[in-house]
PDB file of N, CA and C in Angstrom:
ATOM      1  N   UNK A   1     -24.637 111.794   3.555  1.00  0.00           N
ATOM      2  CA  UNK A   1     -23.322 112.179   4.005  1.00  0.00           C
ATOM      3  C   UNK A   1     -22.780 113.207   3.033  1.00  0.00           C
ATOM      4  N   UNK A   2     -22.390 114.318   3.541  1.00  0.00           N
ATOM      5  CA  UNK A   2     -21.860 115.398   2.727  1.00  0.00           C
ATOM      6  C   UNK A   2     -20.546 114.986   2.092  1.00  0.00           C
ATOM      7  N   UNK A   3     -20.455 115.213   0.769  1.00  0.00           N
ATOM      8  CA  UNK A   3     -19.242 114.904   0.045  1.00  0.00           C
ATOM      9  C   UNK A   3     -19.108 113.457  -0.386  1.00  0.00           C
ATOM     10  N   UNK A   4     -20.104 112.632  -0.058  1.00  0.00           N
ATOM     11  CA  UNK A   4     -20.057 111.217  -0.426  1.00  0.00           C
ATOM     12  C   UNK A   4     -20.600 111.037  -1.837  1.00  0.00           C
ATOM     13  N   UNK A   5     -19.811 110.392  -2.687  1.00  0.00           N
ATOM     14  CA  UNK A   5     -20.242 110.060  -4.044  1.00  0.00           C
ATOM     15  C   UNK A   5     -20.235 108.547  -4.169  1.00  0.00           C
ATOM     16  N   UNK A   6     -21.436 107.957  -4.368  1.00  0.00           N
ATOM     17  CA  UNK A   6     -21.478 106.497  -4.477  1.00  0.00           C
ATOM     18  C   UNK A   6     -20.729 106.004  -5.708  1.00  0.00           C
ATOM     19  N   UNK A   7     -20.139 104.811  -5.589  1.00  0.00           N
ATOM     20  CA  UNK A   7     -19.401 104.228  -6.709  1.00  0.00           C
ATOM     21  C   UNK A   7     -20.206 103.144  -7.407  1.00  0.00           C
ATOM     22  N   UNK A   8     -21.472 103.032  -7.099  1.00  0.00           N
ATOM     23  CA  UNK A   8     -22.325 102.028  -7.715  1.00  0.00           C
ATOM     24  C   UNK A   8     -23.343 102.703  -8.629  1.00  0.00           C
ATOM     25  N   UNK A   9     -23.905 101.912  -9.552  1.00  0.00           N
ATOM     26  CA  UNK A   9     -24.935 102.452 -10.434  1.00  0.00           C
ATOM     27  C   UNK A   9     -26.227 101.656 -10.361  1.00  0.00           C
ATOM     28  N   UNK A  10     -26.263 100.652  -9.484  1.00  0.00           N
ATOM     29  CA  UNK A  10     -27.437  99.801  -9.354  1.00  0.00           C
ATOM     30  C   UNK A  10     -27.638  99.430  -7.894  1.00  0.00           C
ATOM     31  N   UNK A  11     -28.891  99.355  -7.501  1.00  0.00           N
ATOM     32  CA  UNK A  11     -29.232  98.886  -6.171  1.00  0.00           C
ATOM     33  C   UNK A  11     -30.180  97.709  -6.354  1.00  0.00           C
ATOM     34  N   UNK A  12     -29.871  96.589  -5.725  1.00  0.00           N
ATOM     35  CA  UNK A  12     -30.704  95.398  -5.813  1.00  0.00           C
ATOM     36  C   UNK A  12     -31.390  95.214  -4.464  1.00  0.00           C
ATOM     37  N   UNK A  13     -32.707  95.090  -4.511  1.00  0.00           N
ATOM     38  CA  UNK A  13     -33.489  94.895  -3.297  1.00  0.00           C
ATOM     39  C   UNK A  13     -34.136  93.521  -3.308  1.00  0.00           C
ATOM     40  N   UNK A  14     -34.255  92.922  -2.155  1.00  0.00           N
ATOM     41  CA  UNK A  14     -35.031  91.701  -2.025  1.00  0.00           C
ATOM     42  C   UNK A  14     -36.459  92.147  -1.786  1.00  0.00           C
ATOM     43  N   UNK A  15     -37.274  92.123  -2.840  1.00  0.00           N
ATOM     44  CA  UNK A  15     -38.600  92.717  -2.755  1.00  0.00           C
ATOM     45  C   UNK A  15     -39.672  91.765  -2.262  1.00  0.00           C
ATOM     46  N   UNK A  16     -39.445  90.473  -2.350  1.00  0.00           N
ATOM     47  CA  UNK A  16     -40.482  89.497  -2.051  1.00  0.00           C
ATOM     48  C   UNK A  16     -40.887  89.558  -0.584  1.00  0.00           C
ATOM     49  N   UNK A  17     -42.073  90.107  -0.339  1.00  0.00           N
ATOM     50  CA  UNK A  17     -42.594  90.214   1.009  1.00  0.00           C
ATOM     51  C   UNK A  17     -42.010  91.361   1.812  1.00  0.00           C
ATOM     52  N   UNK A  18     -41.041  92.067   1.263  1.00  0.00           N
ATOM     53  CA  UNK A  18     -40.407  93.169   1.969  1.00  0.00           C
ATOM     54  C   UNK A  18     -41.002  94.499   1.509  1.00  0.00           C
ATOM     55  N   UNK A  19     -40.819  94.816   0.234  1.00  0.00           N
ATOM     56  CA  UNK A  19     -41.370  96.052  -0.316  1.00  0.00           C
ATOM     57  C   UNK A  19     -42.574  95.789  -1.201  1.00  0.00           C
ATOM     58  N   UNK A  20     -42.783  94.542  -1.550  1.00  0.00           N
ATOM     59  CA  UNK A  20     -43.846  94.152  -2.467  1.00  0.00           C
ATOM     60  C   UNK A  20     -44.522  92.897  -1.938  1.00  0.00           C
ATOM     61  N   UNK A  21     -45.853  92.843  -2.021  1.00  0.00           N
ATOM     62  CA  UNK A  21     -46.531  91.631  -1.564  1.00  0.00           C
ATOM     63  C   UNK A  21     -46.067  90.401  -2.347  1.00  0.00           C
ATOM     64  N   UNK A  22     -45.994  89.275  -1.677  1.00  0.00           N
ATOM     65  CA  UNK A  22     -45.574  88.033  -2.312  1.00  0.00           C
ATOM     66  C   UNK A  22     -46.469  87.690  -3.492  1.00  0.00           C
ATOM     67  N   UNK A  23     -47.747  88.015  -3.388  1.00  0.00           N
ATOM     68  CA  UNK A  23     -48.679  87.719  -4.479  1.00  0.00           C
ATOM     69  C   UNK A  23     -48.261  88.437  -5.771  1.00  0.00           C
ATOM     70  N   UNK A  24     -47.692  89.644  -5.668  1.00  0.00           N
ATOM     71  CA  UNK A  24     -47.211  90.367  -6.847  1.00  0.00           C
ATOM     72  C   UNK A  24     -46.077  89.591  -7.514  1.00  0.00           C
ATOM     73  N   UNK A  25     -45.182  89.067  -6.710  1.00  0.00           N
ATOM     74  CA  UNK A  25     -44.059  88.298  -7.243  1.00  0.00           C
ATOM     75  C   UNK A  25     -44.576  87.078  -7.998  1.00  0.00           C
ATOM     76  N   UNK A  26     -45.497  86.364  -7.381  1.00  0.00           N
ATOM     77  CA  UNK A  26     -46.003  85.126  -7.988  1.00  0.00           C
ATOM     78  C   UNK A  26     -46.933  85.382  -9.178  1.00  0.00           C
ATOM     79  N   UNK A  27     -47.736  86.444  -9.119  1.00  0.00           N
ATOM     80  CA  UNK A  27     -48.730  86.683 -10.172  1.00  0.00           C
ATOM     81  C   UNK A  27     -48.252  87.613 -11.284  1.00  0.00           C
ATOM     82  N   UNK A  28     -47.206  88.397 -11.031  1.00  0.00           N
ATOM     83  CA  UNK A  28     -46.732  89.345 -12.041  1.00  0.00           C
ATOM     84  C   UNK A  28     -45.299  89.034 -12.491  1.00  0.00           C
ATOM     85  N   UNK A  29     -44.383  88.952 -11.535  1.00  0.00           N
ATOM     86  CA  UNK A  29     -42.981  88.778 -11.905  1.00  0.00           C
ATOM     87  C   UNK A  29     -42.684  87.391 -12.471  1.00  0.00           C
ATOM     88  N   UNK A  30     -43.193  86.337 -11.839  1.00  0.00           N
ATOM     89  CA  UNK A  30     -42.937  84.988 -12.350  1.00  0.00           C
ATOM     90  C   UNK A  30     -43.478  84.810 -13.769  1.00  0.00           C
ATOM     91  N   UNK A  31     -44.720  85.229 -14.051  1.00  0.00           N
ATOM     92  CA  UNK A  31     -45.201  85.114 -15.437  1.00  0.00           C
ATOM     93  C   UNK A  31     -44.376  85.957 -16.412  1.00  0.00           C
ATOM     94  N   UNK A  32     -43.907  87.119 -15.972  1.00  0.00           N
ATOM     95  CA  UNK A  32     -43.062  87.945 -16.834  1.00  0.00           C
ATOM     96  C   UNK A  32     -41.795  87.181 -17.218  1.00  0.00           C
ATOM     97  N   UNK A  33     -41.174  86.564 -16.234  1.00  0.00           N
ATOM     98  CA  UNK A  33     -39.965  85.783 -16.504  1.00  0.00           C
ATOM     99  C   UNK A  33     -40.282  84.641 -17.463  1.00  0.00           C
ATOM    100  N   UNK A  34     -41.349  83.921 -17.179  1.00  0.00           N
ATOM    101  CA  UNK A  34     -41.737  82.783 -18.029  1.00  0.00           C
ATOM    102  C   UNK A  34     -41.962  83.212 -19.476  1.00  0.00           C
ATOM    103  N   UNK A  35     -42.582  84.351 -19.655  1.00  0.00           N
ATOM    104  CA  UNK A  35     -42.935  84.815 -20.999  1.00  0.00           C
ATOM    105  C   UNK A  35     -41.780  85.471 -21.745  1.00  0.00           C
ATOM    106  N   UNK A  36     -40.735  85.886 -21.047  1.00  0.00           N
ATOM    107  CA  UNK A  36     -39.676  86.664 -21.694  1.00  0.00           C
ATOM    108  C   UNK A  36     -38.281  86.056 -21.636  1.00  0.00           C
ATOM    109  N   UNK A  37     -38.128  84.942 -20.958  1.00  0.00           N
ATOM    110  CA  UNK A  37     -36.785  84.382 -20.807  1.00  0.00           C
ATOM    111  C   UNK A  37     -36.177  83.939 -22.135  1.00  0.00           C
ATOM    112  N   UNK A  38     -36.977  83.346 -23.014  1.00  0.00           N
ATOM    113  CA  UNK A  38     -36.461  82.893 -24.315  1.00  0.00           C
ATOM    114  C   UNK A  38     -35.841  84.059 -25.085  1.00  0.00           C
ATOM    115  N   UNK A  39     -36.570  85.152 -25.217  1.00  0.00           N
ATOM    116  CA  UNK A  39     -36.036  86.292 -25.981  1.00  0.00           C
ATOM    117  C   UNK A  39     -34.827  86.903 -25.278  1.00  0.00           C
ATOM    118  N   UNK A  40     -34.856  86.939 -23.953  1.00  0.00           N
ATOM    119  CA  UNK A  40     -33.705  87.443 -23.207  1.00  0.00           C
ATOM    120  C   UNK A  40     -32.465  86.606 -23.492  1.00  0.00           C
ATOM    121  N   UNK A  41     -32.615  85.284 -23.446  1.00  0.00           N
ATOM    122  CA  UNK A  41     -31.470  84.408 -23.691  1.00  0.00           C
ATOM    123  C   UNK A  41     -30.951  84.553 -25.118  1.00  0.00           C
ATOM    124  N   UNK A  42     -31.840  84.624 -26.087  1.00  0.00           N
ATOM    125  CA  UNK A  42     -31.421  84.777 -27.488  1.00  0.00           C
ATOM    126  C   UNK A  42     -30.639  86.084 -27.661  1.00  0.00           C
ATOM    127  N   UNK A  43     -31.165  87.167 -27.101  1.00  0.00           N
ATOM    128  CA  UNK A  43     -30.540  88.486 -27.265  1.00  0.00           C
ATOM    129  C   UNK A  43     -29.197  88.602 -26.540  1.00  0.00           C
ATOM    130  N   UNK A  44     -29.016  87.862 -25.472  1.00  0.00           N
ATOM    131  CA  UNK A  44     -27.818  88.022 -24.639  1.00  0.00           C
ATOM    132  C   UNK A  44     -26.908  86.801 -24.617  1.00  0.00           C
ATOM    133  N   UNK A  45     -27.185  85.837 -25.478  1.00  0.00           N
ATOM    134  CA  UNK A  45     -26.495  84.551 -25.438  1.00  0.00           C
ATOM    135  C   UNK A  45     -24.972  84.678 -25.462  1.00  0.00           C
ATOM    136  N   UNK A  46     -24.454  85.611 -26.211  1.00  0.00           N
ATOM    137  CA  UNK A  46     -22.992  85.718 -26.363  1.00  0.00           C
ATOM    138  C   UNK A  46     -22.326  86.499 -25.226  1.00  0.00           C
ATOM    139  N   UNK A  47     -23.093  87.023 -24.299  1.00  0.00           N
ATOM    140  CA  UNK A  47     -22.520  87.797 -23.192  1.00  0.00           C
ATOM    141  C   UNK A  47     -21.757  86.862 -22.238  1.00  0.00           C
ATOM    142  N   UNK A  48     -20.504  87.139 -21.975  1.00  0.00           N
ATOM    143  CA  UNK A  48     -19.728  86.286 -21.067  1.00  0.00           C
ATOM    144  C   UNK A  48     -20.357  86.148 -19.680  1.00  0.00           C
ATOM    145  N   UNK A  49     -20.921  87.216 -19.147  1.00  0.00           N
ATOM    146  CA  UNK A  49     -21.525  87.160 -17.812  1.00  0.00           C
ATOM    147  C   UNK A  49     -22.728  86.212 -17.806  1.00  0.00           C
ATOM    148  N   UNK A  50     -23.515  86.211 -18.868  1.00  0.00           N
ATOM    149  CA  UNK A  50     -24.633  85.277 -18.956  1.00  0.00           C
ATOM    150  C   UNK A  50     -24.110  83.846 -18.976  1.00  0.00           C
ATOM    151  N   UNK A  51     -23.076  83.600 -19.767  1.00  0.00           N
ATOM    152  CA  UNK A  51     -22.513  82.253 -19.840  1.00  0.00           C
ATOM    153  C   UNK A  51     -21.951  81.810 -18.488  1.00  0.00           C
ATOM    154  N   UNK A  52     -21.381  82.737 -17.723  1.00  0.00           N
ATOM    155  CA  UNK A  52     -20.900  82.410 -16.377  1.00  0.00           C
ATOM    156  C   UNK A  52     -22.068  81.991 -15.488  1.00  0.00           C
ATOM    157  N   UNK A  53     -23.175  82.720 -15.594  1.00  0.00           N
ATOM    158  CA  UNK A  53     -24.351  82.387 -14.798  1.00  0.00           C
ATOM    159  C   UNK A  53     -24.937  81.040 -15.210  1.00  0.00           C
ATOM    160  N   UNK A  54     -24.925  80.760 -16.488  1.00  0.00           N
ATOM    161  CA  UNK A  54     -25.429  79.469 -16.961  1.00  0.00           C
ATOM    162  C   UNK A  54     -24.538  78.342 -16.452  1.00  0.00           C
ATOM    163  N   UNK A  55     -23.243  78.575 -16.417  1.00  0.00           N
ATOM    164  CA  UNK A  55     -22.333  77.550 -15.888  1.00  0.00           C
ATOM    165  C   UNK A  55     -22.622  77.278 -14.415  1.00  0.00           C
ATOM    166  N   UNK A  56     -22.927  78.309 -13.655  1.00  0.00           N
ATOM    167  CA  UNK A  56     -23.299  78.110 -12.248  1.00  0.00           C
ATOM    168  C   UNK A  56     -24.572  77.282 -12.144  1.00  0.00           C
ATOM    169  N   UNK A  57     -25.552  77.588 -12.998  1.00  0.00           N
ATOM    170  CA  UNK A  57     -26.791  76.805 -13.008  1.00  0.00           C
ATOM    171  C   UNK A  57     -26.521  75.357 -13.419  1.00  0.00           C
ATOM    172  N   UNK A  58     -25.635  75.162 -14.408  1.00  0.00           N
ATOM    173  CA  UNK A  58     -25.286  73.809 -14.870  1.00  0.00           C
ATOM    174  C   UNK A  58     -24.674  72.994 -13.728  1.00  0.00           C
ATOM    175  N   UNK A  59     -23.726  73.597 -13.038  1.00  0.00           N
ATOM    176  CA  UNK A  59     -23.070  72.892 -11.929  1.00  0.00           C
ATOM    177  C   UNK A  59     -24.084  72.578 -10.824  1.00  0.00           C
ATOM    178  N   UNK A  60     -24.987  73.514 -10.554  1.00  0.00           N
ATOM    179  CA  UNK A  60     -26.011  73.266  -9.541  1.00  0.00           C
ATOM    180  C   UNK A  60     -26.930  72.132  -9.972  1.00  0.00           C
ATOM    181  N   UNK A  61     -27.238  72.071 -11.273  1.00  0.00           N
ATOM    182  CA  UNK A  61     -28.124  71.001 -11.749  1.00  0.00           C
ATOM    183  C   UNK A  61     -27.470  69.631 -11.548  1.00  0.00           C
ATOM    184  N   UNK A  62     -26.160  69.559 -11.674  1.00  0.00           N
ATOM    185  CA  UNK A  62     -25.447  68.301 -11.432  1.00  0.00           C
ATOM    186  C   UNK A  62     -25.543  67.905  -9.961  1.00  0.00           C
ATOM    187  N   UNK A  63     -25.375  68.886  -9.081  1.00  0.00           N
ATOM    188  CA  UNK A  63     -25.487  68.632  -7.643  1.00  0.00           C
ATOM    189  C   UNK A  63     -26.907  68.179  -7.316  1.00  0.00           C
ATOM    190  N   UNK A  64     -27.884  68.854  -7.891  1.00  0.00           N
ATOM    191  CA  UNK A  64     -29.285  68.506  -7.631  1.00  0.00           C
ATOM    192  C   UNK A  64     -29.601  67.090  -8.109  1.00  0.00           C
ATOM    193  N   UNK A  65     -29.068  66.722  -9.267  1.00  0.00           N
ATOM    194  CA  UNK A  65     -29.282  65.364  -9.788  1.00  0.00           C
ATOM    195  C   UNK A  65     -28.616  64.341  -8.875  1.00  0.00           C
ATOM    196  N   UNK A  66     -27.416  64.641  -8.433  1.00  0.00           N
ATOM    197  CA  UNK A  66     -26.702  63.731  -7.527  1.00  0.00           C
ATOM    198  C   UNK A  66     -27.469  63.549  -6.225  1.00  0.00           C
ATOM    199  N   UNK A  67     -28.162  64.601  -5.793  1.00  0.00           N
ATOM    200  CA  UNK A  67     -28.947  64.547  -4.558  1.00  0.00           C
ATOM    201  C   UNK A  67     -30.376  64.057  -4.793  1.00  0.00           C
ATOM    202  N   UNK A  68     -30.642  63.620  -6.031  1.00  0.00           N
ATOM    203  CA  UNK A  68     -31.960  63.052  -6.381  1.00  0.00           C
ATOM    204  C   UNK A  68     -33.131  63.985  -6.114  1.00  0.00           C
ATOM    205  N   UNK A  69     -32.951  65.270  -6.378  1.00  0.00           N
ATOM    206  CA  UNK A  69     -34.071  66.191  -6.207  1.00  0.00           C
ATOM    207  C   UNK A  69     -35.133  65.890  -7.262  1.00  0.00           C
ATOM    208  N   UNK A  70     -36.382  65.767  -6.848  1.00  0.00           N
ATOM    209  CA  UNK A  70     -37.434  65.433  -7.812  1.00  0.00           C
ATOM    210  C   UNK A  70     -37.650  66.554  -8.825  1.00  0.00           C
ATOM    211  N   UNK A  71     -37.700  66.182 -10.100  1.00  0.00           N
ATOM    212  CA  UNK A  71     -37.987  67.141 -11.163  1.00  0.00           C
ATOM    213  C   UNK A  71     -36.803  67.940 -11.662  1.00  0.00           C
ATOM    214  N   UNK A  72     -35.615  67.682 -11.128  1.00  0.00           N
ATOM    215  CA  UNK A  72     -34.444  68.457 -11.543  1.00  0.00           C
ATOM    216  C   UNK A  72     -34.275  68.412 -13.061  1.00  0.00           C
ATOM    217  N   UNK A  73     -33.901  69.545 -13.630  1.00  0.00           N
ATOM    218  CA  UNK A  73     -33.635  69.647 -15.065  1.00  0.00           C
ATOM    219  C   UNK A  73     -32.139  69.871 -15.238  1.00  0.00           C
ATOM    220  N   UNK A  74     -31.488  68.926 -15.873  1.00  0.00           N
ATOM    221  CA  UNK A  74     -30.046  69.011 -16.119  1.00  0.00           C
ATOM    222  C   UNK A  74     -29.787  69.960 -17.288  1.00  0.00           C
ATOM    223  N   UNK A  75     -28.804  70.815 -17.135  1.00  0.00           N
ATOM    224  CA  UNK A  75     -28.355  71.674 -18.236  1.00  0.00           C
ATOM    225  C   UNK A  75     -27.136  70.994 -18.839  1.00  0.00           C
ATOM    226  N   UNK A  76     -27.241  70.551 -20.106  1.00  0.00           N
ATOM    227  CA  UNK A  76     -26.126  69.813 -20.712  1.00  0.00           C
ATOM    228  C   UNK A  76     -24.895  70.696 -20.931  1.00  0.00           C
ATOM    229  N   UNK A  77     -23.790  70.040 -21.148  1.00  0.00           N
ATOM    230  CA  UNK A  77     -22.545  70.750 -21.470  1.00  0.00           C
ATOM    231  C   UNK A  77     -22.674  71.423 -22.832  1.00  0.00           C
ATOM    232  N   UNK A  78     -21.910  72.492 -23.022  1.00  0.00           N
ATOM    233  CA  UNK A  78     -21.943  73.224 -24.295  1.00  0.00           C
ATOM    234  C   UNK A  78     -21.470  72.354 -25.455  1.00  0.00           C
ATOM    235  N   UNK A  79     -20.419  71.597 -25.206  1.00  0.00           N
ATOM    236  CA  UNK A  79     -19.871  70.743 -26.265  1.00  0.00           C
ATOM    237  C   UNK A  79     -20.907  69.682 -26.627  1.00  0.00           C
ATOM    238  N   UNK A  80     -21.257  69.634 -27.887  1.00  0.00           N
ATOM    239  CA  UNK A  80     -22.196  68.635 -28.372  1.00  0.00           C
ATOM    240  C   UNK A  80     -23.655  69.035 -28.262  1.00  0.00           C
ATOM    241  N   UNK A  81     -23.939  70.234 -27.778  1.00  0.00           N
ATOM    242  CA  UNK A  81     -25.317  70.708 -27.656  1.00  0.00           C
ATOM    243  C   UNK A  81     -25.496  71.981 -28.475  1.00  0.00           C
ATOM    244  N   UNK A  82     -26.641  72.100 -29.110  1.00  0.00           N
ATOM    245  CA  UNK A  82     -26.930  73.330 -29.845  1.00  0.00           C
ATOM    246  C   UNK A  82     -27.352  74.416 -28.867  1.00  0.00           C
ATOM    247  N   UNK A  83     -27.255  75.658 -29.309  1.00  0.00           N
ATOM    248  CA  UNK A  83     -27.685  76.784 -28.477  1.00  0.00           C
ATOM    249  C   UNK A  83     -29.163  76.647 -28.127  1.00  0.00           C
ATOM    250  N   UNK A  84     -29.955  76.169 -29.077  1.00  0.00           N
ATOM    251  CA  UNK A  84     -31.392  76.009 -28.829  1.00  0.00           C
ATOM    252  C   UNK A  84     -31.655  74.995 -27.724  1.00  0.00           C
ATOM    253  N   UNK A  85     -30.953  73.866 -27.747  1.00  0.00           N
ATOM    254  CA  UNK A  85     -31.106  72.841 -26.706  1.00  0.00           C
ATOM    255  C   UNK A  85     -30.673  73.400 -25.355  1.00  0.00           C
ATOM    256  N   UNK A  86     -29.570  74.121 -25.346  1.00  0.00           N
ATOM    257  CA  UNK A  86     -29.072  74.706 -24.102  1.00  0.00           C
ATOM    258  C   UNK A  86     -30.047  75.735 -23.546  1.00  0.00           C
ATOM    259  N   UNK A  87     -30.564  76.614 -24.406  1.00  0.00           N
ATOM    260  CA  UNK A  87     -31.510  77.634 -23.941  1.00  0.00           C
ATOM    261  C   UNK A  87     -32.762  76.988 -23.348  1.00  0.00           C
ATOM    262  N   UNK A  88     -33.271  75.952 -24.000  1.00  0.00           N
ATOM    263  CA  UNK A  88     -34.463  75.273 -23.485  1.00  0.00           C
ATOM    264  C   UNK A  88     -34.173  74.664 -22.114  1.00  0.00           C
ATOM    265  N   UNK A  89     -33.013  74.052 -21.955  1.00  0.00           N
ATOM    266  CA  UNK A  89     -32.649  73.453 -20.665  1.00  0.00           C
ATOM    267  C   UNK A  89     -32.516  74.529 -19.587  1.00  0.00           C
ATOM    268  N   UNK A  90     -31.928  75.662 -19.931  1.00  0.00           N
ATOM    269  CA  UNK A  90     -31.794  76.759 -18.971  1.00  0.00           C
ATOM    270  C   UNK A  90     -33.180  77.240 -18.542  1.00  0.00           C
ATOM    271  N   UNK A  91     -34.058  77.457 -19.509  1.00  0.00           N
ATOM    272  CA  UNK A  91     -35.418  77.914 -19.197  1.00  0.00           C
ATOM    273  C   UNK A  91     -36.120  76.904 -18.303  1.00  0.00           C
ATOM    274  N   UNK A  92     -36.080  75.636 -18.692  1.00  0.00           N
ATOM    275  CA  UNK A  92     -36.759  74.599 -17.903  1.00  0.00           C
ATOM    276  C   UNK A  92     -36.173  74.498 -16.497  1.00  0.00           C
ATOM    277  N   UNK A  93     -34.853  74.629 -16.385  1.00  0.00           N
ATOM    278  CA  UNK A  93     -34.201  74.557 -15.084  1.00  0.00           C
ATOM    279  C   UNK A  93     -34.615  75.735 -14.208  1.00  0.00           C
ATOM    280  N   UNK A  94     -34.558  76.931 -14.756  1.00  0.00           N
ATOM    281  CA  UNK A  94     -34.904  78.121 -13.975  1.00  0.00           C
ATOM    282  C   UNK A  94     -36.370  78.076 -13.549  1.00  0.00           C
ATOM    283  N   UNK A  95     -37.257  77.694 -14.454  1.00  0.00           N
ATOM    284  CA  UNK A  95     -38.678  77.609 -14.104  1.00  0.00           C
ATOM    285  C   UNK A  95     -38.920  76.543 -13.033  1.00  0.00           C
ATOM    286  N   UNK A  96     -38.204  75.420 -13.133  1.00  0.00           N
ATOM    287  CA  UNK A  96     -38.316  74.380 -12.102  1.00  0.00           C
ATOM    288  C   UNK A  96     -37.881  74.928 -10.746  1.00  0.00           C
ATOM    289  N   UNK A  97     -36.748  75.634 -10.738  1.00  0.00           N
ATOM    290  CA  UNK A  97     -36.258  76.191  -9.475  1.00  0.00           C
ATOM    291  C   UNK A  97     -37.217  77.234  -8.908  1.00  0.00           C
ATOM    292  N   UNK A  98     -37.751  78.076  -9.778  1.00  0.00           N
ATOM    293  CA  UNK A  98     -38.703  79.087  -9.319  1.00  0.00           C
ATOM    294  C   UNK A  98     -39.962  78.430  -8.755  1.00  0.00           C
ATOM    295  N   UNK A  99     -40.455  77.398  -9.424  1.00  0.00           N
ATOM    296  CA  UNK A  99     -41.669  76.726  -8.943  1.00  0.00           C
ATOM    297  C   UNK A  99     -41.418  76.006  -7.625  1.00  0.00           C
ATOM    298  N   UNK A 100     -40.161  75.669  -7.373  1.00  0.00           N
ATOM    299  CA  UNK A 100     -39.786  75.027  -6.109  1.00  0.00           C
ATOM    300  C   UNK A 100     -39.441  76.059  -5.037  1.00  0.00           C
ATOM    301  N   UNK A 101     -39.504  77.344  -5.414  1.00  0.00           N
ATOM    302  CA  UNK A 101     -39.212  78.459  -4.498  1.00  0.00           C
ATOM    303  C   UNK A 101     -37.827  78.329  -3.871  1.00  0.00           C
ATOM    304  N   UNK A 102     -36.859  77.976  -4.715  1.00  0.00           N
ATOM    305  CA  UNK A 102     -35.487  77.800  -4.232  1.00  0.00           C
ATOM    306  C   UNK A 102     -34.822  79.150  -4.024  1.00  0.00           C
ATOM    307  N   UNK A 103     -33.976  79.204  -3.035  1.00  0.00           N
ATOM    308  CA  UNK A 103     -33.234  80.418  -2.692  1.00  0.00           C
ATOM    309  C   UNK A 103     -31.743  80.090  -2.710  1.00  0.00           C
ATOM    310  N   UNK A 104     -31.231  79.712  -3.872  1.00  0.00           N
ATOM    311  CA  UNK A 104     -29.836  79.287  -3.955  1.00  0.00           C
ATOM    312  C   UNK A 104     -29.039  80.275  -4.798  1.00  0.00           C
ATOM    313  N   UNK A 105     -27.759  80.330  -4.540  1.00  0.00           N
ATOM    314  CA  UNK A 105     -26.873  81.289  -5.188  1.00  0.00           C
ATOM    315  C   UNK A 105     -26.927  81.317  -6.704  1.00  0.00           C
ATOM    316  N   UNK A 106     -26.782  80.172  -7.381  1.00  0.00           N
ATOM    317  CA  UNK A 106     -26.785  80.203  -8.842  1.00  0.00           C
ATOM    318  C   UNK A 106     -28.080  80.784  -9.437  1.00  0.00           C
ATOM    319  N   UNK A 107     -29.213  80.473  -8.835  1.00  0.00           N
ATOM    320  CA  UNK A 107     -30.477  81.023  -9.322  1.00  0.00           C
ATOM    321  C   UNK A 107     -30.537  82.520  -9.070  1.00  0.00           C
ATOM    322  N   UNK A 108     -30.162  82.940  -7.880  1.00  0.00           N
ATOM    323  CA  UNK A 108     -30.170  84.371  -7.558  1.00  0.00           C
ATOM    324  C   UNK A 108     -29.221  85.145  -8.473  1.00  0.00           C
ATOM    325  N   UNK A 109     -28.063  84.578  -8.738  1.00  0.00           N
ATOM    326  CA  UNK A 109     -27.108  85.223  -9.634  1.00  0.00           C
ATOM    327  C   UNK A 109     -27.697  85.410 -11.024  1.00  0.00           C
ATOM    328  N   UNK A 110     -28.366  84.374 -11.519  1.00  0.00           N
ATOM    329  CA  UNK A 110     -29.017  84.459 -12.820  1.00  0.00           C
ATOM    330  C   UNK A 110     -30.133  85.495 -12.803  1.00  0.00           C
ATOM    331  N   UNK A 111     -30.937  85.502 -11.759  1.00  0.00           N
ATOM    332  CA  UNK A 111     -32.049  86.443 -11.672  1.00  0.00           C
ATOM    333  C   UNK A 111     -31.566  87.880 -11.632  1.00  0.00           C
ATOM    334  N   UNK A 112     -30.468  88.131 -10.945  1.00  0.00           N
ATOM    335  CA  UNK A 112     -29.931  89.500 -10.894  1.00  0.00           C
ATOM    336  C   UNK A 112     -29.460  89.921 -12.287  1.00  0.00           C
ATOM    337  N   UNK A 113     -28.819  89.002 -13.012  1.00  0.00           N
ATOM    338  CA  UNK A 113     -28.366  89.336 -14.371  1.00  0.00           C
ATOM    339  C   UNK A 113     -29.548  89.556 -15.283  1.00  0.00           C
ATOM    340  N   UNK A 114     -30.577  88.719 -15.141  1.00  0.00           N
ATOM    341  CA  UNK A 114     -31.771  88.780 -15.991  1.00  0.00           C
ATOM    342  C   UNK A 114     -32.526  90.044 -15.708  1.00  0.00           C
TER     343      UNK A 114
END
């Protein structure tokens, strides 16, 4: 469109099976996340947006536990937990959700930030 200037700086695509084979997602992207999430969390821990995403994951983990989902990993509250304990719970929760192939808002929100 002539004269149109976009106001965004990022485009997010749903690539799984759309622009990229599903096997790429499972064999390349999932291992990348598994291998790099710890360093990502350490480097970005103080970012408010990351903490908002973690809170969404925490609330979802409570819902999942209440619904007795097998293997659910609870993310503890910040009060009384060290950053290391919280990061491990976040990693374990996200990996559990990915292995379950969940398509829920809190996970997607975290993945977009990550």
